[in-house]
């Protein structure tokens, strides 16, 4: 199932996430509250827990968030990049053509931020 979900994705690498955010991508953190509290957050990301993701990002939903735009790049983030791949695939099935996920998830992004500059 995971391999099928990832087949259509262009997964964003941790080192490219900040540039994507700066370029206007909507970064959506689907991790549970306890994980965000324990590990931190990505500045500029919005939080939509996994159980509400589809109707909050579906542009045709009356409950869609204002940031929703079918043409906007959306990057889904989970802890390690597994649940986000499945969620991104589901959103593509809803018609969001520019949705992908963060390869390695939040933890890869955080590790990249904590790595020495010369590494």
PDB file of N, CA and C in Angstrom:
ATOM      1  N   UNK A   1       0.819  -1.179   0.000  1.00  0.00           N
ATOM      2  CA  UNK A   1       0.000   0.000   0.000  1.00  0.00           C
ATOM      3  C   UNK A   1       0.875   1.260   0.000  1.00  0.00           C
ATOM      4  N   UNK A   2       1.910   1.255   0.822  1.00  0.00           N
ATOM      5  CA  UNK A   2       2.806   2.407   0.895  1.00  0.00           C
ATOM      6  C   UNK A   2       3.509   2.639  -0.436  1.00  0.00           C
ATOM      7  N   UNK A   3       3.990   1.582  -1.056  1.00  0.00           N
ATOM      8  CA  UNK A   3       4.672   1.718  -2.353  1.00  0.00           C
ATOM      9  C   UNK A   3       3.722   2.284  -3.403  1.00  0.00           C
ATOM     10  N   UNK A   4       2.485   1.831  -3.409  1.00  0.00           N
ATOM     11  CA  UNK A   4       1.498   2.363  -4.368  1.00  0.00           C
ATOM     12  C   UNK A   4       1.227   3.837  -4.095  1.00  0.00           C
ATOM     13  N   UNK A   5       1.119   4.190  -2.833  1.00  0.00           N
ATOM     14  CA  UNK A   5       0.863   5.586  -2.472  1.00  0.00           C
ATOM     15  C   UNK A   5       2.000   6.493  -2.916  1.00  0.00           C
ATOM     16  N   UNK A   6       3.212   6.017  -2.749  1.00  0.00           N
ATOM     17  CA  UNK A   6       4.369   6.846  -3.090  1.00  0.00           C
ATOM     18  C   UNK A   6       4.668   6.890  -4.591  1.00  0.00           C
ATOM     19  N   UNK A   7       4.097   5.977  -5.342  1.00  0.00           N
ATOM     20  CA  UNK A   7       4.387   5.909  -6.780  1.00  0.00           C
ATOM     21  C   UNK A   7       4.071   7.216  -7.503  1.00  0.00           C
ATOM     22  N   UNK A   8       3.050   7.917  -7.086  1.00  0.00           N
ATOM     23  CA  UNK A   8       2.677   9.157  -7.764  1.00  0.00           C
ATOM     24  C   UNK A   8       3.174  10.414  -7.094  1.00  0.00           C
ATOM     25  N   UNK A   9       3.955  10.283  -6.036  1.00  0.00           N
ATOM     26  CA  UNK A   9       4.405  11.450  -5.285  1.00  0.00           C
ATOM     27  C   UNK A   9       5.805  11.892  -5.693  1.00  0.00           C
ATOM     28  N   UNK A  10       6.039  13.169  -5.597  1.00  0.00           N
ATOM     29  CA  UNK A  10       7.385  13.735  -5.720  1.00  0.00           C
ATOM     30  C   UNK A  10       7.745  14.205  -4.318  1.00  0.00           C
ATOM     31  N   UNK A  11       8.250  13.296  -3.523  1.00  0.00           N
ATOM     32  CA  UNK A  11       8.489  13.568  -2.114  1.00  0.00           C
ATOM     33  C   UNK A  11       9.511  14.689  -1.930  1.00  0.00           C
ATOM     34  N   UNK A  12       9.219  15.580  -1.023  1.00  0.00           N
ATOM     35  CA  UNK A  12      10.079  16.730  -0.744  1.00  0.00           C
ATOM     36  C   UNK A  12      11.160  16.296   0.241  1.00  0.00           C
ATOM     37  N   UNK A  13      12.401  16.632  -0.070  1.00  0.00           N
ATOM     38  CA  UNK A  13      13.507  16.298   0.828  1.00  0.00           C
ATOM     39  C   UNK A  13      13.576  17.311   1.961  1.00  0.00           C
ATOM     40  N   UNK A  14      14.054  16.875   3.112  1.00  0.00           N
ATOM     41  CA  UNK A  14      14.132  17.734   4.291  1.00  0.00           C
ATOM     42  C   UNK A  14      14.894  19.024   3.999  1.00  0.00           C
ATOM     43  N   UNK A  15      15.950  18.927   3.234  1.00  0.00           N
ATOM     44  CA  UNK A  15      16.759  20.127   2.951  1.00  0.00           C
ATOM     45  C   UNK A  15      16.064  21.102   1.999  1.00  0.00           C
ATOM     46  N   UNK A  16      14.985  20.680   1.377  1.00  0.00           N
ATOM     47  CA  UNK A  16      14.256  21.550   0.452  1.00  0.00           C
ATOM     48  C   UNK A  16      12.984  22.142   1.051  1.00  0.00           C
ATOM     49  N   UNK A  17      12.636  21.754   2.260  1.00  0.00           N
ATOM     50  CA  UNK A  17      11.368  22.185   2.837  1.00  0.00           C
ATOM     51  C   UNK A  17      11.311  23.688   3.084  1.00  0.00           C
ATOM     52  N   UNK A  18      12.355  24.274   3.633  1.00  0.00           N
ATOM     53  CA  UNK A  18      12.337  25.709   3.918  1.00  0.00           C
ATOM     54  C   UNK A  18      12.146  26.528   2.644  1.00  0.00           C
ATOM     55  N   UNK A  19      12.781  26.125   1.564  1.00  0.00           N
ATOM     56  CA  UNK A  19      12.621  26.832   0.294  1.00  0.00           C
ATOM     57  C   UNK A  19      11.198  26.682  -0.237  1.00  0.00           C
ATOM     58  N   UNK A  20      10.613  25.513  -0.063  1.00  0.00           N
ATOM     59  CA  UNK A  20       9.231  25.307  -0.499  1.00  0.00           C
ATOM     60  C   UNK A  20       8.286  26.212   0.281  1.00  0.00           C
ATOM     61  N   UNK A  21       8.498  26.301   1.592  1.00  0.00           N
ATOM     62  CA  UNK A  21       7.692  27.200   2.425  1.00  0.00           C
ATOM     63  C   UNK A  21       7.849  28.647   1.965  1.00  0.00           C
ATOM     64  N   UNK A  22       9.086  29.050   1.738  1.00  0.00           N
ATOM     65  CA  UNK A  22       9.345  30.415   1.284  1.00  0.00           C
ATOM     66  C   UNK A  22       8.709  30.682  -0.074  1.00  0.00           C
ATOM     67  N   UNK A  23       8.565  29.646  -0.874  1.00  0.00           N
ATOM     68  CA  UNK A  23       7.960  29.776  -2.192  1.00  0.00           C
ATOM     69  C   UNK A  23       6.443  29.702  -2.186  1.00  0.00           C
ATOM     70  N   UNK A  24       5.838  29.593  -1.007  1.00  0.00           N
ATOM     71  CA  UNK A  24       4.387  29.619  -0.907  1.00  0.00           C
ATOM     72  C   UNK A  24       3.708  28.290  -0.694  1.00  0.00           C
ATOM     73  N   UNK A  25       4.475  27.226  -0.505  1.00  0.00           N
ATOM     74  CA  UNK A  25       3.858  25.919  -0.252  1.00  0.00           C
ATOM     75  C   UNK A  25       3.119  25.943   1.080  1.00  0.00           C
ATOM     76  N   UNK A  26       2.038  25.199   1.134  1.00  0.00           N
ATOM     77  CA  UNK A  26       1.294  25.010   2.371  1.00  0.00           C
ATOM     78  C   UNK A  26       1.822  23.733   3.017  1.00  0.00           C
ATOM     79  N   UNK A  27       2.487  23.869   4.142  1.00  0.00           N
ATOM     80  CA  UNK A  27       3.029  22.721   4.862  1.00  0.00           C
ATOM     81  C   UNK A  27       2.048  22.376   5.973  1.00  0.00           C
ATOM     82  N   UNK A  28       1.595  21.122   5.956  1.00  0.00           N
ATOM     83  CA  UNK A  28       0.557  20.672   6.879  1.00  0.00           C
ATOM     84  C   UNK A  28       1.111  19.568   7.769  1.00  0.00           C
ATOM     85  N   UNK A  29       1.179  19.849   9.050  1.00  0.00           N
ATOM     86  CA  UNK A  29       1.670  18.905  10.056  1.00  0.00           C
ATOM     87  C   UNK A  29       0.487  18.094  10.560  1.00  0.00           C
ATOM     88  N   UNK A  30       0.514  16.777  10.325  1.00  0.00           N
ATOM     89  CA  UNK A  30      -0.589  15.916  10.741  1.00  0.00           C
ATOM     90  C   UNK A  30      -0.262  15.122  12.014  1.00  0.00           C
ATOM     91  N   UNK A  31       0.848  15.432  12.641  1.00  0.00           N
ATOM     92  CA  UNK A  31       1.243  14.691  13.847  1.00  0.00           C
ATOM     93  C   UNK A  31       0.302  14.995  15.009  1.00  0.00           C
ATOM     94  N   UNK A  32       0.128  14.041  15.913  1.00  0.00           N
ATOM     95  CA  UNK A  32      -0.708  14.284  17.103  1.00  0.00           C
ATOM     96  C   UNK A  32      -0.095  15.364  18.002  1.00  0.00           C
ATOM     97  N   UNK A  33      -0.948  15.993  18.800  1.00  0.00           N
ATOM     98  CA  UNK A  33      -0.509  17.035  19.739  1.00  0.00           C
ATOM     99  C   UNK A  33       0.680  16.594  20.576  1.00  0.00           C
ATOM    100  N   UNK A  34       0.633  15.374  21.092  1.00  0.00           N
ATOM    101  CA  UNK A  34       1.699  14.920  22.003  1.00  0.00           C
ATOM    102  C   UNK A  34       3.056  14.902  21.293  1.00  0.00           C
ATOM    103  N   UNK A  35       3.080  14.563  20.015  1.00  0.00           N
ATOM    104  CA  UNK A  35       4.351  14.547  19.278  1.00  0.00           C
ATOM    105  C   UNK A  35       4.860  15.961  19.034  1.00  0.00           C
ATOM    106  N   UNK A  36       3.956  16.872  18.684  1.00  0.00           N
ATOM    107  CA  UNK A  36       4.379  18.264  18.480  1.00  0.00           C
ATOM    108  C   UNK A  36       4.879  18.862  19.797  1.00  0.00           C
ATOM    109  N   UNK A  37       4.200  18.555  20.899  1.00  0.00           N
ATOM    110  CA  UNK A  37       4.617  19.079  22.203  1.00  0.00           C
ATOM    111  C   UNK A  37       5.981  18.531  22.607  1.00  0.00           C
ATOM    112  N   UNK A  38       6.226  17.267  22.330  1.00  0.00           N
ATOM    113  CA  UNK A  38       7.478  16.623  22.740  1.00  0.00           C
ATOM    114  C   UNK A  38       8.649  16.969  21.823  1.00  0.00           C
ATOM    115  N   UNK A  39       8.379  17.114  20.511  1.00  0.00           N
ATOM    116  CA  UNK A  39       9.479  17.238  19.557  1.00  0.00           C
ATOM    117  C   UNK A  39       9.605  18.602  18.899  1.00  0.00           C
ATOM    118  N   UNK A  40       8.561  19.389  18.902  1.00  0.00           N
ATOM    119  CA  UNK A  40       8.617  20.700  18.281  1.00  0.00           C
ATOM    120  C   UNK A  40       7.776  20.776  17.017  1.00  0.00           C
ATOM    121  N   UNK A  41       7.874  21.940  16.376  1.00  0.00           N
ATOM    122  CA  UNK A  41       7.069  22.214  15.183  1.00  0.00           C
ATOM    123  C   UNK A  41       7.943  22.811  14.085  1.00  0.00           C
ATOM    124  N   UNK A  42       7.411  22.824  12.896  1.00  0.00           N
ATOM    125  CA  UNK A  42       8.067  23.475  11.763  1.00  0.00           C
ATOM    126  C   UNK A  42       7.486  24.879  11.659  1.00  0.00           C
ATOM    127  N   UNK A  43       8.311  25.915  11.812  1.00  0.00           N
ATOM    128  CA  UNK A  43       7.796  27.276  11.694  1.00  0.00           C
ATOM    129  C   UNK A  43       7.130  27.487  10.328  1.00  0.00           C
ATOM    130  N   UNK A  44       5.920  28.036  10.364  1.00  0.00           N
ATOM    131  CA  UNK A  44       5.186  28.296   9.134  1.00  0.00           C
ATOM    132  C   UNK A  44       4.225  27.193   8.731  1.00  0.00           C
ATOM    133  N   UNK A  45       4.348  26.014   9.356  1.00  0.00           N
ATOM    134  CA  UNK A  45       3.430  24.918   9.048  1.00  0.00           C
ATOM    135  C   UNK A  45       2.109  25.143   9.772  1.00  0.00           C
ATOM    136  N   UNK A  46       1.034  24.633   9.185  1.00  0.00           N
ATOM    137  CA  UNK A  46      -0.238  24.637   9.880  1.00  0.00           C
ATOM    138  C   UNK A  46      -0.492  23.233  10.408  1.00  0.00           C
ATOM    139  N   UNK A  47      -1.315  23.126  11.417  1.00  0.00           N
ATOM    140  CA  UNK A  47      -1.626  21.841  12.029  1.00  0.00           C
ATOM    141  C   UNK A  47      -3.036  21.424  11.637  1.00  0.00           C
ATOM    142  N   UNK A  48      -3.136  20.254  11.038  1.00  0.00           N
ATOM    143  CA  UNK A  48      -4.420  19.604  10.768  1.00  0.00           C
ATOM    144  C   UNK A  48      -4.219  18.141  11.121  1.00  0.00           C
ATOM    145  N   UNK A  49      -4.818  17.711  12.180  1.00  0.00           N
ATOM    146  CA  UNK A  49      -4.613  16.310  12.546  1.00  0.00           C
ATOM    147  C   UNK A  49      -5.200  15.407  11.479  1.00  0.00           C
ATOM    148  N   UNK A  50      -4.661  14.234  11.380  1.00  0.00           N
ATOM    149  CA  UNK A  50      -4.981  13.295  10.304  1.00  0.00           C
ATOM    150  C   UNK A  50      -6.471  13.007  10.170  1.00  0.00           C
ATOM    151  N   UNK A  51      -7.183  12.966  11.261  1.00  0.00           N
ATOM    152  CA  UNK A  51      -8.594  12.584  11.208  1.00  0.00           C
ATOM    153  C   UNK A  51      -9.504  13.644  10.581  1.00  0.00           C
ATOM    154  N   UNK A  52      -9.006  14.846  10.322  1.00  0.00           N
ATOM    155  CA  UNK A  52      -9.828  15.883   9.679  1.00  0.00           C
ATOM    156  C   UNK A  52      -9.234  16.358   8.351  1.00  0.00           C
ATOM    157  N   UNK A  53      -8.160  15.761   7.943  1.00  0.00           N
ATOM    158  CA  UNK A  53      -7.379  16.258   6.809  1.00  0.00           C
ATOM    159  C   UNK A  53      -8.175  16.412   5.515  1.00  0.00           C
ATOM    160  N   UNK A  54      -8.904  15.386   5.122  1.00  0.00           N
ATOM    161  CA  UNK A  54      -9.565  15.411   3.813  1.00  0.00           C
ATOM    162  C   UNK A  54     -10.577  16.554   3.693  1.00  0.00           C
ATOM    163  N   UNK A  55     -11.461  16.702   4.652  1.00  0.00           N
ATOM    164  CA  UNK A  55     -12.470  17.739   4.473  1.00  0.00           C
ATOM    165  C   UNK A  55     -11.947  19.136   4.766  1.00  0.00           C
ATOM    166  N   UNK A  56     -10.820  19.262   5.440  1.00  0.00           N
ATOM    167  CA  UNK A  56     -10.233  20.587   5.681  1.00  0.00           C
ATOM    168  C   UNK A  56      -9.394  21.066   4.494  1.00  0.00           C
ATOM    169  N   UNK A  57      -8.893  20.127   3.665  1.00  0.00           N
ATOM    170  CA  UNK A  57      -8.086  20.515   2.499  1.00  0.00           C
ATOM    171  C   UNK A  57      -8.813  20.351   1.168  1.00  0.00           C
ATOM    172  N   UNK A  58      -9.966  19.746   1.164  1.00  0.00           N
ATOM    173  CA  UNK A  58     -10.738  19.595  -0.075  1.00  0.00           C
ATOM    174  C   UNK A  58     -11.357  20.950  -0.430  1.00  0.00           C
ATOM    175  N   UNK A  59     -10.934  21.555  -1.559  1.00  0.00           N
ATOM    176  CA  UNK A  59     -11.448  22.878  -1.914  1.00  0.00           C
ATOM    177  C   UNK A  59     -12.964  22.917  -2.118  1.00  0.00           C
ATOM    178  N   UNK A  60     -13.584  21.779  -2.349  1.00  0.00           N
ATOM    179  CA  UNK A  60     -15.041  21.745  -2.547  1.00  0.00           C
ATOM    180  C   UNK A  60     -15.808  21.564  -1.241  1.00  0.00           C
ATOM    181  N   UNK A  61     -15.108  21.367  -0.136  1.00  0.00           N
ATOM    182  CA  UNK A  61     -15.746  21.137   1.152  1.00  0.00           C
ATOM    183  C   UNK A  61     -16.171  22.456   1.795  1.00  0.00           C
ATOM    184  N   UNK A  62     -17.364  22.495   2.374  1.00  0.00           N
ATOM    185  CA  UNK A  62     -17.761  23.706   3.101  1.00  0.00           C
ATOM    186  C   UNK A  62     -16.906  23.929   4.353  1.00  0.00           C
ATOM    187  N   UNK A  63     -16.168  22.919   4.782  1.00  0.00           N
ATOM    188  CA  UNK A  63     -15.321  23.031   5.964  1.00  0.00           C
ATOM    189  C   UNK A  63     -13.843  23.214   5.631  1.00  0.00           C
ATOM    190  N   UNK A  64     -13.532  23.521   4.372  1.00  0.00           N
ATOM    191  CA  UNK A  64     -12.144  23.717   3.961  1.00  0.00           C
ATOM    192  C   UNK A  64     -11.551  24.942   4.652  1.00  0.00           C
ATOM    193  N   UNK A  65     -10.270  24.855   4.968  1.00  0.00           N
ATOM    194  CA  UNK A  65      -9.581  25.996   5.569  1.00  0.00           C
ATOM    195  C   UNK A  65      -9.352  27.065   4.500  1.00  0.00           C
ATOM    196  N   UNK A  66      -9.219  28.319   4.901  1.00  0.00           N
ATOM    197  CA  UNK A  66      -9.047  29.407   3.920  1.00  0.00           C
ATOM    198  C   UNK A  66      -7.799  29.251   3.042  1.00  0.00           C
ATOM    199  N   UNK A  67      -6.765  28.591   3.555  1.00  0.00           N
ATOM    200  CA  UNK A  67      -5.516  28.428   2.802  1.00  0.00           C
ATOM    201  C   UNK A  67      -5.635  27.411   1.670  1.00  0.00           C
ATOM    202  N   UNK A  68      -6.754  26.709   1.605  1.00  0.00           N
ATOM    203  CA  UNK A  68      -6.934  25.663   0.601  1.00  0.00           C
ATOM    204  C   UNK A  68      -7.071  26.256  -0.784  1.00  0.00           C
ATOM    205  N   UNK A  69      -6.286  25.718  -1.695  1.00  0.00           N
ATOM    206  CA  UNK A  69      -6.303  26.142  -3.096  1.00  0.00           C
ATOM    207  C   UNK A  69      -5.832  24.943  -3.910  1.00  0.00           C
ATOM    208  N   UNK A  70      -6.648  24.497  -4.844  1.00  0.00           N
ATOM    209  CA  UNK A  70      -6.318  23.297  -5.624  1.00  0.00           C
ATOM    210  C   UNK A  70      -5.014  23.458  -6.398  1.00  0.00           C
ATOM    211  N   UNK A  71      -4.594  24.687  -6.680  1.00  0.00           N
ATOM    212  CA  UNK A  71      -3.379  24.912  -7.453  1.00  0.00           C
ATOM    213  C   UNK A  71      -2.135  25.082  -6.575  1.00  0.00           C
ATOM    214  N   UNK A  72      -2.306  25.210  -5.285  1.00  0.00           N
ATOM    215  CA  UNK A  72      -1.184  25.456  -4.373  1.00  0.00           C
ATOM    216  C   UNK A  72      -0.447  24.166  -4.048  1.00  0.00           C
ATOM    217  N   UNK A  73       0.869  24.257  -3.936  1.00  0.00           N
ATOM    218  CA  UNK A  73       1.653  23.111  -3.499  1.00  0.00           C
ATOM    219  C   UNK A  73       1.359  22.853  -2.021  1.00  0.00           C
ATOM    220  N   UNK A  74       1.070  21.591  -1.697  1.00  0.00           N
ATOM    221  CA  UNK A  74       0.797  21.179  -0.318  1.00  0.00           C
ATOM    222  C   UNK A  74       1.792  20.082   0.032  1.00  0.00           C
ATOM    223  N   UNK A  75       2.421  20.213   1.203  1.00  0.00           N
ATOM    224  CA  UNK A  75       3.380  19.215   1.677  1.00  0.00           C
ATOM    225  C   UNK A  75       2.893  18.705   3.028  1.00  0.00           C
ATOM    226  N   UNK A  76       2.597  17.415   3.083  1.00  0.00           N
ATOM    227  CA  UNK A  76       2.106  16.791   4.301  1.00  0.00           C
ATOM    228  C   UNK A  76       3.298  16.271   5.108  1.00  0.00           C
ATOM    229  N   UNK A  77       3.254  16.503   6.426  1.00  0.00           N
ATOM    230  CA  UNK A  77       4.349  16.108   7.317  1.00  0.00           C
ATOM    231  C   UNK A  77       3.803  15.247   8.452  1.00  0.00           C
ATOM    232  N   UNK A  78       4.431  14.098   8.657  1.00  0.00           N
ATOM    233  CA  UNK A  78       4.155  13.266   9.832  1.00  0.00           C
ATOM    234  C   UNK A  78       5.483  13.065  10.556  1.00  0.00           C
ATOM    235  N   UNK A  79       5.572  12.098  11.431  1.00  0.00           N
ATOM    236  CA  UNK A  79       6.813  11.880  12.182  1.00  0.00           C
ATOM    237  C   UNK A  79       7.972  11.436  11.298  1.00  0.00           C
ATOM    238  N   UNK A  80       7.750  10.387  10.497  1.00  0.00           N
ATOM    239  CA  UNK A  80       8.853   9.794   9.745  1.00  0.00           C
ATOM    240  C   UNK A  80       8.570   9.599   8.257  1.00  0.00           C
ATOM    241  N   UNK A  81       7.425  10.069   7.783  1.00  0.00           N
ATOM    242  CA  UNK A  81       7.159  10.014   6.350  1.00  0.00           C
ATOM    243  C   UNK A  81       6.349   8.829   5.862  1.00  0.00           C
ATOM    244  N   UNK A  82       5.719   8.115   6.750  1.00  0.00           N
ATOM    245  CA  UNK A  82       4.882   6.980   6.332  1.00  0.00           C
ATOM    246  C   UNK A  82       3.418   7.400   6.224  1.00  0.00           C
ATOM    247  N   UNK A  83       2.852   7.865   7.327  1.00  0.00           N
ATOM    248  CA  UNK A  83       1.450   8.301   7.314  1.00  0.00           C
ATOM    249  C   UNK A  83       1.252   9.458   6.340  1.00  0.00           C
ATOM    250  N   UNK A  84       2.259  10.299   6.198  1.00  0.00           N
ATOM    251  CA  UNK A  84       2.133  11.439   5.284  1.00  0.00           C
ATOM    252  C   UNK A  84       2.044  10.992   3.832  1.00  0.00           C
ATOM    253  N   UNK A  85       2.732   9.929   3.468  1.00  0.00           N
ATOM    254  CA  UNK A  85       2.638   9.404   2.096  1.00  0.00           C
ATOM    255  C   UNK A  85       1.229   8.912   1.812  1.00  0.00           C
ATOM    256  N   UNK A  86       0.660   8.186   2.765  1.00  0.00           N
ATOM    257  CA  UNK A  86      -0.702   7.681   2.593  1.00  0.00           C
ATOM    258  C   UNK A  86      -1.702   8.830   2.537  1.00  0.00           C
ATOM    259  N   UNK A  87      -1.526   9.819   3.396  1.00  0.00           N
ATOM    260  CA  UNK A  87      -2.425  10.973   3.411  1.00  0.00           C
ATOM    261  C   UNK A  87      -2.312  11.778   2.120  1.00  0.00           C
ATOM    262  N   UNK A  88      -1.101  11.993   1.634  1.00  0.00           N
ATOM    263  CA  UNK A  88      -0.912  12.741   0.382  1.00  0.00           C
ATOM    264  C   UNK A  88      -1.576  12.024  -0.782  1.00  0.00           C
ATOM    265  N   UNK A  89      -1.451  10.719  -0.810  1.00  0.00           N
ATOM    266  CA  UNK A  89      -2.095   9.945  -1.868  1.00  0.00           C
ATOM    267  C   UNK A  89      -3.616  10.103  -1.811  1.00  0.00           C
ATOM    268  N   UNK A  90      -4.181  10.067  -0.631  1.00  0.00           N
ATOM    269  CA  UNK A  90      -5.623  10.250  -0.475  1.00  0.00           C
ATOM    270  C   UNK A  90      -6.049  11.629  -0.968  1.00  0.00           C
ATOM    271  N   UNK A  91      -5.269  12.640  -0.644  1.00  0.00           N
ATOM    272  CA  UNK A  91      -5.594  13.995  -1.098  1.00  0.00           C
ATOM    273  C   UNK A  91      -5.491  14.117  -2.613  1.00  0.00           C
ATOM    274  N   UNK A  92      -4.565  13.411  -3.213  1.00  0.00           N
ATOM    275  CA  UNK A  92      -4.491  13.390  -4.675  1.00  0.00           C
ATOM    276  C   UNK A  92      -5.748  12.782  -5.264  1.00  0.00           C
ATOM    277  N   UNK A  93      -6.267  11.752  -4.619  1.00  0.00           N
ATOM    278  CA  UNK A  93      -7.505  11.142  -5.093  1.00  0.00           C
ATOM    279  C   UNK A  93      -8.674  12.118  -5.014  1.00  0.00           C
ATOM    280  N   UNK A  94      -8.594  13.094  -4.109  1.00  0.00           N
ATOM    281  CA  UNK A  94      -9.614  14.137  -4.011  1.00  0.00           C
ATOM    282  C   UNK A  94      -9.445  15.213  -5.077  1.00  0.00           C
ATOM    283  N   UNK A  95      -8.327  15.182  -5.794  1.00  0.00           N
ATOM    284  CA  UNK A  95      -8.106  16.146  -6.855  1.00  0.00           C
ATOM    285  C   UNK A  95      -7.043  17.195  -6.592  1.00  0.00           C
ATOM    286  N   UNK A  96      -6.337  17.100  -5.475  1.00  0.00           N
ATOM    287  CA  UNK A  96      -5.245  18.047  -5.207  1.00  0.00           C
ATOM    288  C   UNK A  96      -3.986  17.543  -5.912  1.00  0.00           C
ATOM    289  N   UNK A  97      -3.733  18.065  -7.080  1.00  0.00           N
ATOM    290  CA  UNK A  97      -2.658  17.555  -7.936  1.00  0.00           C
ATOM    291  C   UNK A  97      -1.266  17.900  -7.424  1.00  0.00           C
ATOM    292  N   UNK A  98      -1.126  18.948  -6.626  1.00  0.00           N
ATOM    293  CA  UNK A  98       0.201  19.399  -6.194  1.00  0.00           C
ATOM    294  C   UNK A  98       0.492  19.050  -4.740  1.00  0.00           C
ATOM    295  N   UNK A  99      -0.044  17.943  -4.274  1.00  0.00           N
ATOM    296  CA  UNK A  99       0.211  17.525  -2.899  1.00  0.00           C
ATOM    297  C   UNK A  99       1.270  16.434  -2.884  1.00  0.00           C
ATOM    298  N   UNK A 100       2.195  16.564  -1.950  1.00  0.00           N
ATOM    299  CA  UNK A 100       3.265  15.591  -1.747  1.00  0.00           C
ATOM    300  C   UNK A 100       3.511  15.485  -0.252  1.00  0.00           C
ATOM    301  N   UNK A 101       4.556  14.781   0.119  1.00  0.00           N
ATOM    302  CA  UNK A 101       4.879  14.689   1.538  1.00  0.00           C
ATOM    303  C   UNK A 101       6.364  14.883   1.757  1.00  0.00           C
ATOM    304  N   UNK A 102       6.716  15.027   3.024  1.00  0.00           N
ATOM    305  CA  UNK A 102       8.106  15.248   3.407  1.00  0.00           C
ATOM    306  C   UNK A 102       8.784  13.908   3.624  1.00  0.00           C
ATOM    307  N   UNK A 103       9.766  13.616   2.803  1.00  0.00           N
ATOM    308  CA  UNK A 103      10.521  12.371   2.892  1.00  0.00           C
ATOM    309  C   UNK A 103      11.258  12.328   4.234  1.00  0.00           C
ATOM    310  N   UNK A 104      10.958  11.347   5.043  1.00  0.00           N
ATOM    311  CA  UNK A 104      11.578  11.224   6.365  1.00  0.00           C
ATOM    312  C   UNK A 104      10.827  11.954   7.454  1.00  0.00           C
ATOM    313  N   UNK A 105       9.843  12.740   7.085  1.00  0.00           N
ATOM    314  CA  UNK A 105       8.979  13.424   8.037  1.00  0.00           C
ATOM    315  C   UNK A 105       9.669  14.492   8.868  1.00  0.00           C
ATOM    316  N   UNK A 106       8.976  14.882   9.923  1.00  0.00           N
ATOM    317  CA  UNK A 106       9.478  15.915  10.826  1.00  0.00           C
ATOM    318  C   UNK A 106      10.854  15.561  11.374  1.00  0.00           C
ATOM    319  N   UNK A 107      11.040  14.307  11.706  1.00  0.00           N
ATOM    320  CA  UNK A 107      12.305  13.919  12.328  1.00  0.00           C
ATOM    321  C   UNK A 107      13.483  14.102  11.387  1.00  0.00           C
ATOM    322  N   UNK A 108      13.305  13.883  10.100  1.00  0.00           N
ATOM    323  CA  UNK A 108      14.375  14.135   9.126  1.00  0.00           C
ATOM    324  C   UNK A 108      14.636  15.631   9.016  1.00  0.00           C
ATOM    325  N   UNK A 109      13.583  16.424   9.017  1.00  0.00           N
ATOM    326  CA  UNK A 109      13.735  17.878   8.950  1.00  0.00           C
ATOM    327  C   UNK A 109      14.477  18.387  10.188  1.00  0.00           C
ATOM    328  N   UNK A 110      14.069  17.919  11.362  1.00  0.00           N
ATOM    329  CA  UNK A 110      14.707  18.340  12.610  1.00  0.00           C
ATOM    330  C   UNK A 110      16.176  17.917  12.649  1.00  0.00           C
ATOM    331  N   UNK A 111      16.472  16.690  12.221  1.00  0.00           N
ATOM    332  CA  UNK A 111      17.858  16.208  12.201  1.00  0.00           C
ATOM    333  C   UNK A 111      18.696  17.078  11.277  1.00  0.00           C
ATOM    334  N   UNK A 112      18.136  17.462  10.172  1.00  0.00           N
ATOM    335  CA  UNK A 112      18.839  18.333   9.225  1.00  0.00           C
ATOM    336  C   UNK A 112      19.125  19.693   9.872  1.00  0.00           C
ATOM    337  N   UNK A 113      18.173  20.220  10.607  1.00  0.00           N
ATOM    338  CA  UNK A 113      18.344  21.520  11.272  1.00  0.00           C
ATOM    339  C   UNK A 113      19.379  21.447  12.381  1.00  0.00           C
ATOM    340  N   UNK A 114      19.490  20.290  13.019  1.00  0.00           N
ATOM    341  CA  UNK A 114      20.405  20.132  14.144  1.00  0.00           C
ATOM    342  C   UNK A 114      21.812  19.710  13.707  1.00  0.00           C
ATOM    343  N   UNK A 115      21.955  19.352  12.445  1.00  0.00           N
ATOM    344  CA  UNK A 115      23.257  18.896  11.944  1.00  0.00           C
ATOM    345  C   UNK A 115      24.220  20.078  11.862  1.00  0.00           C
ATOM    346  N   UNK A 116      25.489  19.838  12.154  1.00  0.00           N
ATOM    347  CA  UNK A 116      26.484  20.908  11.994  1.00  0.00           C
ATOM    348  C   UNK A 116      26.530  21.372  10.542  1.00  0.00           C
ATOM    349  N   UNK A 117      26.786  22.639  10.347  1.00  0.00           N
ATOM    350  CA  UNK A 117      26.809  23.228   9.006  1.00  0.00           C
ATOM    351  C   UNK A 117      27.816  22.568   8.075  1.00  0.00           C
ATOM    352  N   UNK A 118      28.922  22.074   8.606  1.00  0.00           N
ATOM    353  CA  UNK A 118      29.955  21.494   7.748  1.00  0.00           C
ATOM    354  C   UNK A 118      29.757  20.003   7.520  1.00  0.00           C
ATOM    355  N   UNK A 119      28.673  19.437   8.027  1.00  0.00           N
ATOM    356  CA  UNK A 119      28.444  17.987   7.870  1.00  0.00           C
ATOM    357  C   UNK A 119      27.936  17.658   6.479  1.00  0.00           C
TER     358      UNK A 119
END
